[in-house]
């Protein structure tokens, strides 16, 4: 019984500290840019690997697609916070000014992007290649649409 109480106490204190850390995750806008760029690069790596399999550039491997889709479902949750911190709109980065003028639209696109990644992950777990390919197409198209509207070259 004491172990359970101690475990609960430790978990509660850990969640308090992690909440404080999350509130102060970025030092400044430049730190946020570095974070979101790293997240997007990792997303890109996983997206390109799946795309290469569907294009026949590398052999199709369902287990590899499943791993990539699982990673995408987690990774697509990450970058959005870094766009919503004070100073992020004045930091460097490859974004058009339209992003800051339409932040609500951008954030809703981020939500859809994450939902598309979750759907891709679900399709990958089911294992049907056509279903995976359709979910991947939706995911990739959403990615491109956001780039077209909000990413500077």
C-alpha atoms as a PDB file:
ATOM      1  CA  UNK A   1       0.000   0.000   0.000  1.00  0.00           C
ATOM      2  CA  UNK A   2       2.872   2.379   0.803  1.00  0.00           C
ATOM      3  CA  UNK A   3       4.424   1.627  -2.608  1.00  0.00           C
ATOM      4  CA  UNK A   4       1.185   2.588  -4.340  1.00  0.00           C
ATOM      5  CA  UNK A   5       0.923   5.840  -2.375  1.00  0.00           C
ATOM      6  CA  UNK A   6       4.560   6.650  -3.081  1.00  0.00           C
ATOM      7  CA  UNK A   7       4.131   5.885  -6.781  1.00  0.00           C
ATOM      8  CA  UNK A   8       1.057   8.122  -6.996  1.00  0.00           C
ATOM      9  CA  UNK A   9       2.884  10.931  -5.180  1.00  0.00           C
ATOM     10  CA  UNK A  10       5.864  10.659  -7.544  1.00  0.00           C
ATOM     11  CA  UNK A  11       3.636  10.649 -10.617  1.00  0.00           C
ATOM     12  CA  UNK A  12       1.729  13.689  -9.384  1.00  0.00           C
ATOM     13  CA  UNK A  13       4.909  15.645  -8.665  1.00  0.00           C
ATOM     14  CA  UNK A  14       6.367  14.611 -12.032  1.00  0.00           C
ATOM     15  CA  UNK A  15       3.276  15.859 -13.820  1.00  0.00           C
ATOM     16  CA  UNK A  16       3.538  19.190 -11.990  1.00  0.00           C
ATOM     17  CA  UNK A  17       7.154  19.618 -13.015  1.00  0.00           C
ATOM     18  CA  UNK A  18       6.478  18.555 -16.606  1.00  0.00           C
ATOM     19  CA  UNK A  19       3.663  21.100 -16.798  1.00  0.00           C
ATOM     20  CA  UNK A  20       6.035  23.825 -15.670  1.00  0.00           C
ATOM     21  CA  UNK A  21       8.633  22.697 -18.179  1.00  0.00           C
ATOM     22  CA  UNK A  22       6.069  22.645 -20.980  1.00  0.00           C
ATOM     23  CA  UNK A  23       5.007  26.199 -20.132  1.00  0.00           C
ATOM     24  CA  UNK A  24       8.652  27.277 -20.559  1.00  0.00           C
ATOM     25  CA  UNK A  25       9.713  24.944 -23.347  1.00  0.00           C
ATOM     26  CA  UNK A  26      11.208  27.690 -25.506  1.00  0.00           C
ATOM     27  CA  UNK A  27      13.723  30.325 -24.521  1.00  0.00           C
ATOM     28  CA  UNK A  28      12.655  32.662 -27.319  1.00  0.00           C
ATOM     29  CA  UNK A  29      11.283  32.755 -30.854  1.00  0.00           C
ATOM     30  CA  UNK A  30      14.526  31.490 -32.378  1.00  0.00           C
ATOM     31  CA  UNK A  31      14.464  28.491 -30.053  1.00  0.00           C
ATOM     32  CA  UNK A  32      10.906  27.779 -31.216  1.00  0.00           C
ATOM     33  CA  UNK A  33      12.017  27.986 -34.865  1.00  0.00           C
ATOM     34  CA  UNK A  34      14.779  25.438 -34.233  1.00  0.00           C
ATOM     35  CA  UNK A  35      12.310  23.115 -32.517  1.00  0.00           C
ATOM     36  CA  UNK A  36       9.671  23.251 -35.231  1.00  0.00           C
ATOM     37  CA  UNK A  37      12.248  22.897 -38.010  1.00  0.00           C
ATOM     38  CA  UNK A  38      13.632  19.771 -36.336  1.00  0.00           C
ATOM     39  CA  UNK A  39      10.119  18.363 -35.958  1.00  0.00           C
ATOM     40  CA  UNK A  40       9.285  19.066 -39.610  1.00  0.00           C
ATOM     41  CA  UNK A  41      12.557  17.519 -40.808  1.00  0.00           C
ATOM     42  CA  UNK A  42      11.763  14.331 -38.922  1.00  0.00           C
ATOM     43  CA  UNK A  43       8.231  14.360 -40.337  1.00  0.00           C
ATOM     44  CA  UNK A  44       9.724  14.834 -43.804  1.00  0.00           C
ATOM     45  CA  UNK A  45      12.083  11.865 -43.369  1.00  0.00           C
ATOM     46  CA  UNK A  46       9.193   9.534 -42.503  1.00  0.00           C
ATOM     47  CA  UNK A  47       6.932  10.922 -45.247  1.00  0.00           C
ATOM     48  CA  UNK A  48       9.621  10.574 -47.929  1.00  0.00           C
ATOM     49  CA  UNK A  49      10.389   7.000 -46.892  1.00  0.00           C
ATOM     50  CA  UNK A  50       6.747   5.951 -47.311  1.00  0.00           C
ATOM     51  CA  UNK A  51       6.506   7.895 -50.570  1.00  0.00           C
ATOM     52  CA  UNK A  52       9.608   6.150 -51.910  1.00  0.00           C
ATOM     53  CA  UNK A  53       7.992   2.778 -51.202  1.00  0.00           C
ATOM     54  CA  UNK A  54       4.797   3.706 -53.044  1.00  0.00           C
ATOM     55  CA  UNK A  55       6.789   5.061 -55.997  1.00  0.00           C
ATOM     56  CA  UNK A  56       8.830   1.880 -56.209  1.00  0.00           C
ATOM     57  CA  UNK A  57      12.121   3.614 -55.433  1.00  0.00           C
ATOM     58  CA  UNK A  58      12.643   1.138 -52.584  1.00  0.00           C
ATOM     59  CA  UNK A  59      10.906  -2.174 -51.934  1.00  0.00           C
ATOM     60  CA  UNK A  60       7.509  -1.927 -50.227  1.00  0.00           C
ATOM     61  CA  UNK A  61       7.739  -3.142 -46.634  1.00  0.00           C
ATOM     62  CA  UNK A  62       4.506  -3.100 -44.622  1.00  0.00           C
ATOM     63  CA  UNK A  63       6.303  -3.245 -41.267  1.00  0.00           C
ATOM     64  CA  UNK A  64       8.431  -0.265 -42.268  1.00  0.00           C
ATOM     65  CA  UNK A  65       5.336   1.656 -43.396  1.00  0.00           C
ATOM     66  CA  UNK A  66       3.723   0.856 -40.052  1.00  0.00           C
ATOM     67  CA  UNK A  67       6.757   2.174 -38.160  1.00  0.00           C
ATOM     68  CA  UNK A  68       6.859   5.333 -40.262  1.00  0.00           C
ATOM     69  CA  UNK A  69       3.113   5.893 -39.877  1.00  0.00           C
ATOM     70  CA  UNK A  70       3.368   5.408 -36.120  1.00  0.00           C
ATOM     71  CA  UNK A  71       6.178   7.959 -35.994  1.00  0.00           C
ATOM     72  CA  UNK A  72       4.161  10.411 -38.092  1.00  0.00           C
ATOM     73  CA  UNK A  73       1.157  10.077 -35.787  1.00  0.00           C
ATOM     74  CA  UNK A  74       3.366  11.154 -32.882  1.00  0.00           C
ATOM     75  CA  UNK A  75       5.526  13.712 -34.699  1.00  0.00           C
ATOM     76  CA  UNK A  76       2.649  15.659 -36.199  1.00  0.00           C
ATOM     77  CA  UNK A  77       1.583  16.597 -32.679  1.00  0.00           C
ATOM     78  CA  UNK A  78       4.824  18.498 -32.039  1.00  0.00           C
ATOM     79  CA  UNK A  79       5.488  21.575 -34.175  1.00  0.00           C
ATOM     80  CA  UNK A  80       2.303  23.619 -33.647  1.00  0.00           C
ATOM     81  CA  UNK A  81       3.097  24.840 -30.138  1.00  0.00           C
ATOM     82  CA  UNK A  82       6.245  26.486 -31.488  1.00  0.00           C
ATOM     83  CA  UNK A  83       4.191  28.752 -33.740  1.00  0.00           C
ATOM     84  CA  UNK A  84       2.102  30.047 -30.852  1.00  0.00           C
ATOM     85  CA  UNK A  85       4.659  31.424 -28.442  1.00  0.00           C
ATOM     86  CA  UNK A  86       5.465  35.105 -27.962  1.00  0.00           C
ATOM     87  CA  UNK A  87       8.149  36.194 -30.395  1.00  0.00           C
ATOM     88  CA  UNK A  88       7.620  33.338 -32.851  1.00  0.00           C
ATOM     89  CA  UNK A  89       6.206  35.748 -35.411  1.00  0.00           C
ATOM     90  CA  UNK A  90       9.386  37.860 -35.324  1.00  0.00           C
ATOM     91  CA  UNK A  91      11.868  34.993 -35.429  1.00  0.00           C
ATOM     92  CA  UNK A  92      13.599  33.698 -38.518  1.00  0.00           C
ATOM     93  CA  UNK A  93      12.226  30.728 -40.329  1.00  0.00           C
ATOM     94  CA  UNK A  94      10.743  29.766 -43.646  1.00  0.00           C
ATOM     95  CA  UNK A  95       7.208  31.076 -43.222  1.00  0.00           C
ATOM     96  CA  UNK A  96       5.192  33.588 -45.186  1.00  0.00           C
ATOM     97  CA  UNK A  97       3.727  36.551 -43.367  1.00  0.00           C
ATOM     98  CA  UNK A  98       0.321  35.123 -44.302  1.00  0.00           C
ATOM     99  CA  UNK A  99       0.822  32.486 -41.605  1.00  0.00           C
ATOM    100  CA  UNK A 100       0.848  35.104 -38.845  1.00  0.00           C
ATOM    101  CA  UNK A 101      -2.141  36.863 -40.381  1.00  0.00           C
ATOM    102  CA  UNK A 102      -4.096  33.571 -40.523  1.00  0.00           C
ATOM    103  CA  UNK A 103      -2.819  31.779 -37.442  1.00  0.00           C
ATOM    104  CA  UNK A 104      -6.235  30.268 -36.646  1.00  0.00           C
ATOM    105  CA  UNK A 105      -6.446  28.732 -40.124  1.00  0.00           C
ATOM    106  CA  UNK A 106      -2.867  27.526 -39.848  1.00  0.00           C
ATOM    107  CA  UNK A 107      -3.536  25.915 -36.472  1.00  0.00           C
ATOM    108  CA  UNK A 108      -6.664  24.194 -37.798  1.00  0.00           C
ATOM    109  CA  UNK A 109      -4.605  22.857 -40.704  1.00  0.00           C
ATOM    110  CA  UNK A 110      -2.115  21.555 -38.146  1.00  0.00           C
ATOM    111  CA  UNK A 111      -4.966  19.777 -36.369  1.00  0.00           C
ATOM    112  CA  UNK A 112      -6.078  18.230 -39.672  1.00  0.00           C
ATOM    113  CA  UNK A 113      -2.501  17.241 -40.472  1.00  0.00           C
ATOM    114  CA  UNK A 114      -2.255  15.407 -37.155  1.00  0.00           C
ATOM    115  CA  UNK A 115      -5.660  13.784 -37.754  1.00  0.00           C
ATOM    116  CA  UNK A 116      -4.531  12.690 -41.225  1.00  0.00           C
ATOM    117  CA  UNK A 117      -1.407  11.157 -39.690  1.00  0.00           C
ATOM    118  CA  UNK A 118      -3.562   9.295 -37.170  1.00  0.00           C
ATOM    119  CA  UNK A 119      -5.726   7.994 -40.035  1.00  0.00           C
ATOM    120  CA  UNK A 120      -2.585   6.907 -41.895  1.00  0.00           C
ATOM    121  CA  UNK A 121      -1.381   5.100 -38.794  1.00  0.00           C
ATOM    122  CA  UNK A 122      -4.746   3.353 -38.455  1.00  0.00           C
ATOM    123  CA  UNK A 123      -4.710   2.328 -42.112  1.00  0.00           C
ATOM    124  CA  UNK A 124      -1.140   1.054 -41.796  1.00  0.00           C
ATOM    125  CA  UNK A 125      -2.081  -1.062 -38.796  1.00  0.00           C
ATOM    126  CA  UNK A 126      -4.943  -2.592 -40.815  1.00  0.00           C
ATOM    127  CA  UNK A 127      -2.374  -3.533 -43.469  1.00  0.00           C
ATOM    128  CA  UNK A 128      -4.406  -2.957 -46.658  1.00  0.00           C
ATOM    129  CA  UNK A 129      -2.028  -1.321 -49.136  1.00  0.00           C
ATOM    130  CA  UNK A 130      -4.753   0.555 -51.058  1.00  0.00           C
ATOM    131  CA  UNK A 131      -6.206   1.932 -47.844  1.00  0.00           C
ATOM    132  CA  UNK A 132      -2.736   2.971 -46.687  1.00  0.00           C
ATOM    133  CA  UNK A 133      -2.014   4.603 -50.022  1.00  0.00           C
ATOM    134  CA  UNK A 134      -5.281   6.580 -49.890  1.00  0.00           C
ATOM    135  CA  UNK A 135      -4.605   7.745 -46.335  1.00  0.00           C
ATOM    136  CA  UNK A 136      -1.038   8.632 -47.287  1.00  0.00           C
ATOM    137  CA  UNK A 137      -2.234  10.638 -50.293  1.00  0.00           C
ATOM    138  CA  UNK A 138      -4.603  12.641 -48.041  1.00  0.00           C
ATOM    139  CA  UNK A 139      -1.798  13.231 -45.540  1.00  0.00           C
ATOM    140  CA  UNK A 140       0.707  14.318 -48.201  1.00  0.00           C
ATOM    141  CA  UNK A 141      -1.797  16.576 -49.976  1.00  0.00           C
ATOM    142  CA  UNK A 142      -2.547  18.355 -46.711  1.00  0.00           C
ATOM    143  CA  UNK A 143       1.172  18.813 -46.150  1.00  0.00           C
ATOM    144  CA  UNK A 144       1.605  20.332 -49.609  1.00  0.00           C
ATOM    145  CA  UNK A 145      -1.421  22.626 -49.281  1.00  0.00           C
ATOM    146  CA  UNK A 146      -0.044  24.119 -46.092  1.00  0.00           C
ATOM    147  CA  UNK A 147       3.345  24.630 -47.742  1.00  0.00           C
ATOM    148  CA  UNK A 148       1.675  26.343 -50.696  1.00  0.00           C
ATOM    149  CA  UNK A 149      -0.119  28.790 -48.391  1.00  0.00           C
ATOM    150  CA  UNK A 150       2.307  29.347 -45.561  1.00  0.00           C
ATOM    151  CA  UNK A 151       5.868  28.218 -46.290  1.00  0.00           C
ATOM    152  CA  UNK A 152       8.312  30.623 -47.882  1.00  0.00           C
ATOM    153  CA  UNK A 153      10.862  29.198 -50.290  1.00  0.00           C
END
